[in-house]
N, C-alpha and C. Protein backbone atom coordinates (compact mmCIF):
# COMPACT_ATOMS: atom_id res chain seq x y z
N MET A 1 37.81 -21.90 -34.16
CA MET A 1 37.19 -22.11 -35.48
C MET A 1 37.44 -23.48 -35.78
N LYS A 2 38.77 -23.95 -35.77
CA LYS A 2 39.02 -25.39 -36.08
C LYS A 2 38.18 -26.42 -35.31
N LEU A 3 38.07 -25.91 -34.02
CA LEU A 3 37.25 -26.86 -33.18
C LEU A 3 35.76 -27.00 -33.50
N VAL A 4 35.25 -25.89 -33.99
CA VAL A 4 33.84 -25.97 -34.55
C VAL A 4 33.76 -26.77 -35.80
N GLN A 5 34.81 -26.68 -36.61
CA GLN A 5 34.74 -27.35 -37.94
C GLN A 5 34.96 -28.87 -37.68
N ASN A 6 35.69 -29.19 -36.65
CA ASN A 6 35.93 -30.61 -36.23
C ASN A 6 34.61 -31.27 -35.67
N PHE A 7 33.96 -30.27 -34.91
CA PHE A 7 32.66 -30.83 -34.30
C PHE A 7 31.56 -31.03 -35.36
N ILE A 8 31.49 -30.18 -36.28
CA ILE A 8 30.45 -30.23 -37.33
C ILE A 8 30.92 -31.42 -38.15
N LEU A 9 32.11 -31.62 -38.49
CA LEU A 9 32.54 -32.83 -39.30
C LEU A 9 32.08 -34.18 -38.57
N LEU A 10 32.46 -34.22 -37.21
CA LEU A 10 32.16 -35.43 -36.41
C LEU A 10 30.72 -35.55 -36.40
N PHE A 11 29.96 -34.49 -36.03
CA PHE A 11 28.50 -34.65 -36.02
C PHE A 11 27.93 -35.06 -37.26
N SER A 12 28.35 -34.65 -38.44
CA SER A 12 27.92 -35.01 -39.71
C SER A 12 28.17 -36.50 -40.03
N LEU A 13 29.31 -37.05 -39.53
CA LEU A 13 29.63 -38.46 -39.75
C LEU A 13 28.89 -39.26 -38.90
N VAL A 14 28.59 -38.81 -37.67
CA VAL A 14 27.63 -39.66 -36.75
C VAL A 14 26.24 -39.80 -37.38
N VAL A 15 25.79 -38.60 -37.78
CA VAL A 15 24.31 -38.66 -38.43
C VAL A 15 24.35 -39.49 -39.53
N LEU A 16 25.35 -39.34 -40.54
CA LEU A 16 25.50 -40.26 -41.59
C LEU A 16 25.47 -41.75 -41.38
N PHE A 17 26.24 -42.04 -40.33
CA PHE A 17 26.37 -43.54 -40.02
C PHE A 17 25.06 -44.05 -39.46
N ILE A 18 24.35 -43.17 -38.56
CA ILE A 18 23.17 -43.63 -37.95
C ILE A 18 22.05 -43.85 -39.09
N PHE A 19 21.95 -42.83 -40.02
CA PHE A 19 20.94 -42.95 -41.12
C PHE A 19 21.32 -43.97 -42.10
N THR A 20 22.44 -44.31 -42.35
CA THR A 20 22.96 -45.46 -43.39
C THR A 20 22.54 -46.72 -42.69
N GLY A 21 22.97 -46.90 -41.48
CA GLY A 21 22.73 -48.18 -40.78
C GLY A 21 21.13 -48.31 -40.74
N CYS A 22 20.45 -47.40 -40.44
CA CYS A 22 19.01 -47.50 -40.25
C CYS A 22 18.38 -47.91 -41.60
N GLY A 23 18.76 -47.27 -42.54
CA GLY A 23 18.23 -47.76 -43.93
C GLY A 23 18.50 -49.28 -44.14
N ASP A 24 19.57 -49.89 -43.96
CA ASP A 24 19.84 -51.25 -44.13
C ASP A 24 18.93 -51.98 -43.20
N ASN A 25 18.84 -51.64 -42.01
CA ASN A 25 17.97 -52.37 -41.18
C ASN A 25 16.37 -52.26 -41.60
N ASN A 26 15.95 -51.08 -42.09
CA ASN A 26 14.62 -51.01 -42.54
C ASN A 26 14.46 -51.92 -43.78
N LYS A 27 15.34 -51.98 -44.68
CA LYS A 27 15.23 -52.79 -45.89
C LYS A 27 15.21 -54.21 -45.39
N ALA A 28 15.92 -54.64 -44.41
CA ALA A 28 15.89 -56.03 -43.93
C ALA A 28 14.63 -56.33 -43.44
N ASP A 29 14.06 -55.42 -42.44
CA ASP A 29 12.84 -55.51 -41.84
C ASP A 29 11.77 -55.56 -42.89
N ASP A 30 11.69 -54.81 -43.84
CA ASP A 30 10.76 -54.85 -44.99
C ASP A 30 10.68 -56.20 -45.60
N GLN A 31 11.85 -56.75 -45.94
CA GLN A 31 12.06 -57.92 -46.63
C GLN A 31 11.44 -59.10 -45.67
N LEU A 32 11.81 -58.96 -44.38
CA LEU A 32 11.21 -60.03 -43.43
C LEU A 32 9.71 -60.03 -43.44
N GLN A 33 9.12 -58.77 -43.28
CA GLN A 33 7.72 -58.52 -43.43
C GLN A 33 7.00 -59.10 -44.64
N ALA A 34 7.77 -58.92 -45.84
CA ALA A 34 7.23 -59.35 -47.09
C ALA A 34 7.19 -60.80 -47.20
N ASN A 35 8.25 -61.34 -46.67
CA ASN A 35 8.36 -62.74 -46.70
C ASN A 35 7.35 -63.48 -45.86
N CYS A 36 7.15 -62.87 -44.64
CA CYS A 36 6.12 -63.26 -43.73
C CYS A 36 4.71 -63.18 -44.33
N GLY A 37 4.49 -62.14 -45.12
CA GLY A 37 3.15 -61.95 -45.84
C GLY A 37 3.00 -63.14 -46.91
N LYS A 38 3.93 -63.39 -47.61
CA LYS A 38 3.92 -64.54 -48.58
C LYS A 38 3.57 -65.81 -47.96
N SER A 39 4.52 -66.15 -46.88
CA SER A 39 4.23 -67.43 -46.18
C SER A 39 2.96 -67.58 -45.49
N SER A 40 2.52 -66.46 -45.02
CA SER A 40 1.18 -66.51 -44.47
C SER A 40 -0.01 -66.56 -45.49
N GLU A 41 0.17 -66.05 -46.61
CA GLU A 41 -0.75 -66.09 -47.71
C GLU A 41 -0.79 -67.69 -48.22
N ALA A 42 0.40 -68.27 -48.30
CA ALA A 42 0.41 -69.74 -48.79
C ALA A 42 -0.20 -70.58 -47.59
N PHE A 43 0.04 -70.26 -46.28
CA PHE A 43 -0.38 -71.09 -45.27
C PHE A 43 -2.07 -70.93 -45.32
N PHE A 44 -2.41 -69.77 -45.34
CA PHE A 44 -3.89 -69.47 -45.42
C PHE A 44 -4.71 -70.29 -46.55
N LYS A 45 -4.09 -70.10 -47.76
CA LYS A 45 -4.73 -70.81 -48.87
C LYS A 45 -4.62 -72.31 -48.69
N LYS A 46 -3.70 -72.77 -48.09
CA LYS A 46 -3.46 -74.27 -47.82
C LYS A 46 -4.52 -74.63 -46.81
N SER A 47 -4.54 -73.96 -45.65
CA SER A 47 -5.34 -74.33 -44.59
C SER A 47 -6.83 -74.00 -44.44
N TYR A 48 -7.09 -72.76 -45.08
CA TYR A 48 -8.41 -72.28 -44.86
C TYR A 48 -9.14 -71.76 -46.06
N ASP A 49 -8.50 -71.22 -47.00
CA ASP A 49 -9.10 -70.61 -48.08
C ASP A 49 -10.35 -71.28 -48.78
N ALA A 50 -10.22 -72.59 -49.08
CA ALA A 50 -11.33 -73.30 -49.68
C ALA A 50 -12.34 -73.72 -48.64
N ILE A 51 -12.05 -73.72 -47.39
CA ILE A 51 -13.03 -74.32 -46.41
C ILE A 51 -13.72 -73.17 -45.66
N TYR A 52 -12.96 -72.25 -45.16
CA TYR A 52 -13.61 -71.08 -44.31
C TYR A 52 -13.39 -69.86 -44.93
N SER A 53 -14.47 -68.99 -44.71
CA SER A 53 -14.32 -67.55 -45.08
C SER A 53 -13.64 -66.85 -43.89
N GLY A 54 -12.79 -65.95 -44.22
CA GLY A 54 -12.14 -65.14 -43.09
C GLY A 54 -11.07 -64.33 -43.57
N PHE A 55 -10.47 -63.62 -42.74
CA PHE A 55 -9.57 -62.68 -43.01
C PHE A 55 -8.22 -62.95 -42.17
N TYR A 56 -7.08 -62.64 -42.67
CA TYR A 56 -5.89 -62.69 -41.78
C TYR A 56 -5.02 -61.54 -41.92
N ALA A 57 -4.10 -61.46 -40.89
CA ALA A 57 -2.92 -60.44 -41.00
C ALA A 57 -1.84 -61.19 -40.53
N SER A 58 -0.69 -60.71 -41.14
CA SER A 58 0.55 -61.36 -40.83
C SER A 58 1.47 -60.31 -40.17
N HIS A 59 2.42 -60.80 -39.43
CA HIS A 59 3.50 -60.00 -38.91
C HIS A 59 4.71 -60.79 -38.61
N HIS A 60 5.82 -60.15 -38.98
CA HIS A 60 7.09 -60.82 -38.58
C HIS A 60 7.68 -60.15 -37.32
N ASN A 61 7.58 -61.05 -36.23
CA ASN A 61 8.04 -60.41 -34.81
C ASN A 61 9.51 -60.49 -34.79
N LYS A 62 10.04 -59.30 -34.88
CA LYS A 62 11.47 -59.06 -34.90
C LYS A 62 12.13 -59.75 -33.51
N LYS A 63 11.50 -59.42 -32.42
CA LYS A 63 12.04 -59.92 -31.21
C LYS A 63 12.13 -61.40 -31.04
N ARG A 64 11.05 -62.11 -31.55
CA ARG A 64 10.92 -63.49 -31.47
C ARG A 64 11.54 -64.22 -32.79
N ASN A 65 11.76 -63.41 -33.78
CA ASN A 65 12.17 -63.85 -35.02
C ASN A 65 11.20 -64.97 -35.63
N THR A 66 10.01 -64.53 -35.53
CA THR A 66 8.98 -65.52 -35.95
C THR A 66 7.70 -64.82 -36.78
N CYS A 67 7.31 -65.47 -37.74
CA CYS A 67 6.22 -65.07 -38.65
C CYS A 67 4.96 -65.53 -38.01
N TYR A 68 4.06 -64.57 -37.66
CA TYR A 68 2.76 -64.90 -37.02
C TYR A 68 1.59 -64.54 -38.11
N MET A 69 0.49 -65.35 -37.95
CA MET A 69 -0.54 -65.06 -38.76
C MET A 69 -1.84 -64.93 -37.76
N LEU A 70 -2.55 -63.96 -37.82
CA LEU A 70 -3.82 -63.76 -36.91
C LEU A 70 -4.86 -63.97 -37.88
N PHE A 71 -5.82 -65.13 -37.79
CA PHE A 71 -6.89 -65.42 -38.49
C PHE A 71 -8.17 -65.00 -37.76
N TYR A 72 -9.18 -64.42 -38.55
CA TYR A 72 -10.37 -64.08 -37.99
C TYR A 72 -11.55 -64.59 -38.85
N ASN A 73 -12.46 -65.45 -38.30
CA ASN A 73 -13.62 -66.01 -39.16
C ASN A 73 -14.79 -65.13 -38.57
N PRO A 74 -15.39 -64.38 -39.57
CA PRO A 74 -16.56 -63.57 -39.19
C PRO A 74 -17.79 -64.32 -38.86
N VAL A 75 -17.96 -65.53 -39.44
CA VAL A 75 -19.06 -66.49 -39.11
C VAL A 75 -19.06 -66.91 -37.77
N THR A 76 -18.02 -67.61 -37.28
CA THR A 76 -17.85 -68.10 -35.94
C THR A 76 -17.48 -67.15 -34.98
N LYS A 77 -16.90 -66.03 -35.45
CA LYS A 77 -16.22 -65.02 -34.63
C LYS A 77 -14.89 -65.50 -33.97
N ARG A 78 -14.27 -66.63 -34.36
CA ARG A 78 -13.13 -67.10 -33.75
C ARG A 78 -11.86 -66.35 -34.31
N LYS A 79 -10.94 -66.19 -33.42
CA LYS A 79 -9.65 -65.62 -33.73
C LYS A 79 -8.54 -66.66 -33.50
N ILE A 80 -7.56 -66.83 -34.27
CA ILE A 80 -6.67 -67.77 -34.09
C ILE A 80 -5.20 -67.25 -34.50
N LEU A 81 -4.30 -67.45 -33.62
CA LEU A 81 -2.85 -67.02 -33.84
C LEU A 81 -2.05 -68.24 -34.18
N TYR A 82 -1.31 -68.19 -35.35
CA TYR A 82 -0.39 -69.19 -35.78
C TYR A 82 1.00 -68.66 -35.86
N ASP A 83 1.87 -69.66 -35.53
CA ASP A 83 3.29 -69.54 -35.87
C ASP A 83 3.32 -70.14 -37.23
N VAL A 84 3.50 -69.26 -38.21
CA VAL A 84 3.49 -69.75 -39.55
C VAL A 84 4.70 -70.60 -39.97
N ASP A 85 5.92 -70.22 -39.35
CA ASP A 85 7.12 -70.90 -39.71
C ASP A 85 7.10 -72.25 -39.29
N LYS A 86 6.44 -72.55 -38.19
CA LYS A 86 6.23 -74.00 -37.58
C LYS A 86 5.00 -74.57 -37.84
N ALA A 87 4.12 -73.83 -38.41
CA ALA A 87 2.68 -74.24 -38.73
C ALA A 87 2.04 -74.82 -37.41
N ASN A 88 2.20 -73.95 -36.37
CA ASN A 88 1.77 -74.36 -35.08
C ASN A 88 0.61 -73.26 -34.54
N LEU A 89 -0.41 -73.88 -34.01
CA LEU A 89 -1.40 -73.03 -33.38
C LEU A 89 -0.75 -72.40 -32.11
N ARG A 90 -0.93 -71.10 -31.95
CA ARG A 90 -0.30 -70.55 -30.68
C ARG A 90 -1.35 -70.04 -29.78
N GLY A 91 -2.45 -69.62 -30.38
CA GLY A 91 -3.62 -69.10 -29.51
C GLY A 91 -4.96 -69.13 -30.24
N MET A 92 -6.04 -69.18 -29.45
CA MET A 92 -7.33 -69.28 -29.90
C MET A 92 -8.36 -68.48 -28.97
N PHE A 93 -9.28 -67.81 -29.68
CA PHE A 93 -10.43 -67.20 -28.92
C PHE A 93 -11.73 -67.62 -29.60
N SER A 94 -12.65 -68.15 -28.90
CA SER A 94 -14.06 -68.42 -29.32
C SER A 94 -14.97 -67.67 -28.44
N PRO A 95 -15.95 -67.04 -28.92
CA PRO A 95 -16.90 -66.28 -28.14
C PRO A 95 -17.64 -67.12 -27.14
N ASP A 96 -17.83 -68.40 -27.53
CA ASP A 96 -18.59 -69.31 -26.54
C ASP A 96 -17.77 -69.63 -25.22
N GLY A 97 -16.60 -69.12 -25.15
CA GLY A 97 -15.80 -69.30 -24.05
C GLY A 97 -14.95 -70.66 -23.86
N ILE A 98 -15.14 -71.47 -24.94
CA ILE A 98 -14.47 -72.77 -24.90
C ILE A 98 -12.93 -72.63 -25.05
N TYR A 99 -12.60 -71.66 -25.98
CA TYR A 99 -11.13 -71.43 -26.21
C TYR A 99 -10.89 -69.83 -25.90
N CYS A 100 -9.91 -69.75 -24.99
CA CYS A 100 -9.34 -68.51 -24.80
C CYS A 100 -7.95 -68.56 -24.16
N PHE A 101 -6.90 -68.59 -25.12
CA PHE A 101 -5.47 -68.79 -24.67
C PHE A 101 -4.65 -68.24 -25.78
N VAL A 102 -3.43 -67.86 -25.23
CA VAL A 102 -2.32 -67.59 -26.07
C VAL A 102 -1.08 -68.26 -25.43
N TYR A 103 -0.33 -69.14 -26.35
CA TYR A 103 0.69 -70.00 -25.73
C TYR A 103 0.08 -70.62 -24.43
N GLU A 104 0.79 -70.51 -23.23
CA GLU A 104 0.27 -71.26 -22.16
C GLU A 104 -0.58 -70.32 -21.18
N LYS A 105 -0.80 -69.07 -21.78
CA LYS A 105 -1.67 -68.04 -20.84
C LYS A 105 -2.93 -68.33 -21.32
N LYS A 106 -3.93 -68.36 -20.24
CA LYS A 106 -5.42 -68.54 -20.49
C LYS A 106 -6.08 -67.17 -20.18
N CYS A 107 -7.19 -66.98 -20.79
CA CYS A 107 -7.99 -65.77 -20.63
C CYS A 107 -9.45 -66.11 -20.52
N LYS A 108 -10.21 -65.04 -20.33
CA LYS A 108 -11.64 -65.21 -20.14
C LYS A 108 -12.46 -64.47 -21.14
N THR A 109 -11.88 -63.39 -21.59
CA THR A 109 -12.71 -62.44 -22.51
C THR A 109 -11.91 -62.19 -23.71
N GLU A 110 -12.73 -61.69 -24.75
CA GLU A 110 -12.00 -61.29 -25.92
C GLU A 110 -10.95 -60.10 -25.87
N ASN A 111 -11.36 -59.24 -24.96
CA ASN A 111 -10.43 -58.20 -24.67
C ASN A 111 -9.10 -58.63 -24.10
N GLU A 112 -9.32 -59.51 -23.17
CA GLU A 112 -7.97 -60.20 -22.59
C GLU A 112 -7.22 -60.80 -23.60
N TRP A 113 -7.90 -61.52 -24.58
CA TRP A 113 -7.16 -62.36 -25.51
C TRP A 113 -6.60 -61.33 -26.52
N ASP A 114 -7.13 -60.20 -26.97
CA ASP A 114 -6.40 -59.22 -27.74
C ASP A 114 -5.26 -58.67 -27.08
N LYS A 115 -5.26 -58.47 -25.95
CA LYS A 115 -4.09 -57.99 -25.17
C LYS A 115 -3.06 -58.91 -25.09
N LEU A 116 -3.29 -60.22 -24.97
CA LEU A 116 -2.19 -61.21 -24.97
C LEU A 116 -1.59 -61.41 -26.29
N VAL A 117 -2.37 -61.19 -27.35
CA VAL A 117 -1.89 -61.37 -28.82
C VAL A 117 -1.07 -60.17 -29.29
N GLN A 118 -1.41 -59.07 -28.69
CA GLN A 118 -0.85 -57.79 -29.20
C GLN A 118 0.76 -57.80 -29.28
N PRO A 119 1.46 -58.32 -28.23
CA PRO A 119 2.88 -58.26 -28.48
C PRO A 119 3.39 -59.03 -29.64
N TYR A 120 2.64 -60.29 -29.93
CA TYR A 120 3.10 -61.15 -31.00
C TYR A 120 2.95 -60.42 -32.33
N MET A 121 1.94 -59.57 -32.47
CA MET A 121 1.62 -59.00 -33.79
C MET A 121 2.08 -57.49 -33.87
N GLU A 122 3.03 -57.05 -32.90
CA GLU A 122 3.45 -55.66 -32.94
C GLU A 122 4.97 -55.54 -32.83
N GLU A 123 5.49 -56.48 -32.09
CA GLU A 123 6.99 -56.32 -31.75
C GLU A 123 7.87 -56.41 -32.93
């Protein structure tokens, strides 16, 4: 009986520790995503808002500790990946085939470009 009680107590403590730790990490992740969203909004307004029509999505990449912004212009059909923290262009796709790269990796199609960008916008 005592062994079962000790096991239940130990199990409860482990579960409590896991969920308490996860909550803190989720709050920190949420804050990083929120900060990235604000930085991306400011970057977009400064760089594009008055000049180009378009849409953007932001994502704080936890693995790379970097805020990325993916911009899409529906008129030109161009897609652009930015490192917002450093204000650097990291990738671009244009349907005319002139631009198709993400960092040093080159591509030939929009589908290839989307696959290259995916890890930066999801991790």
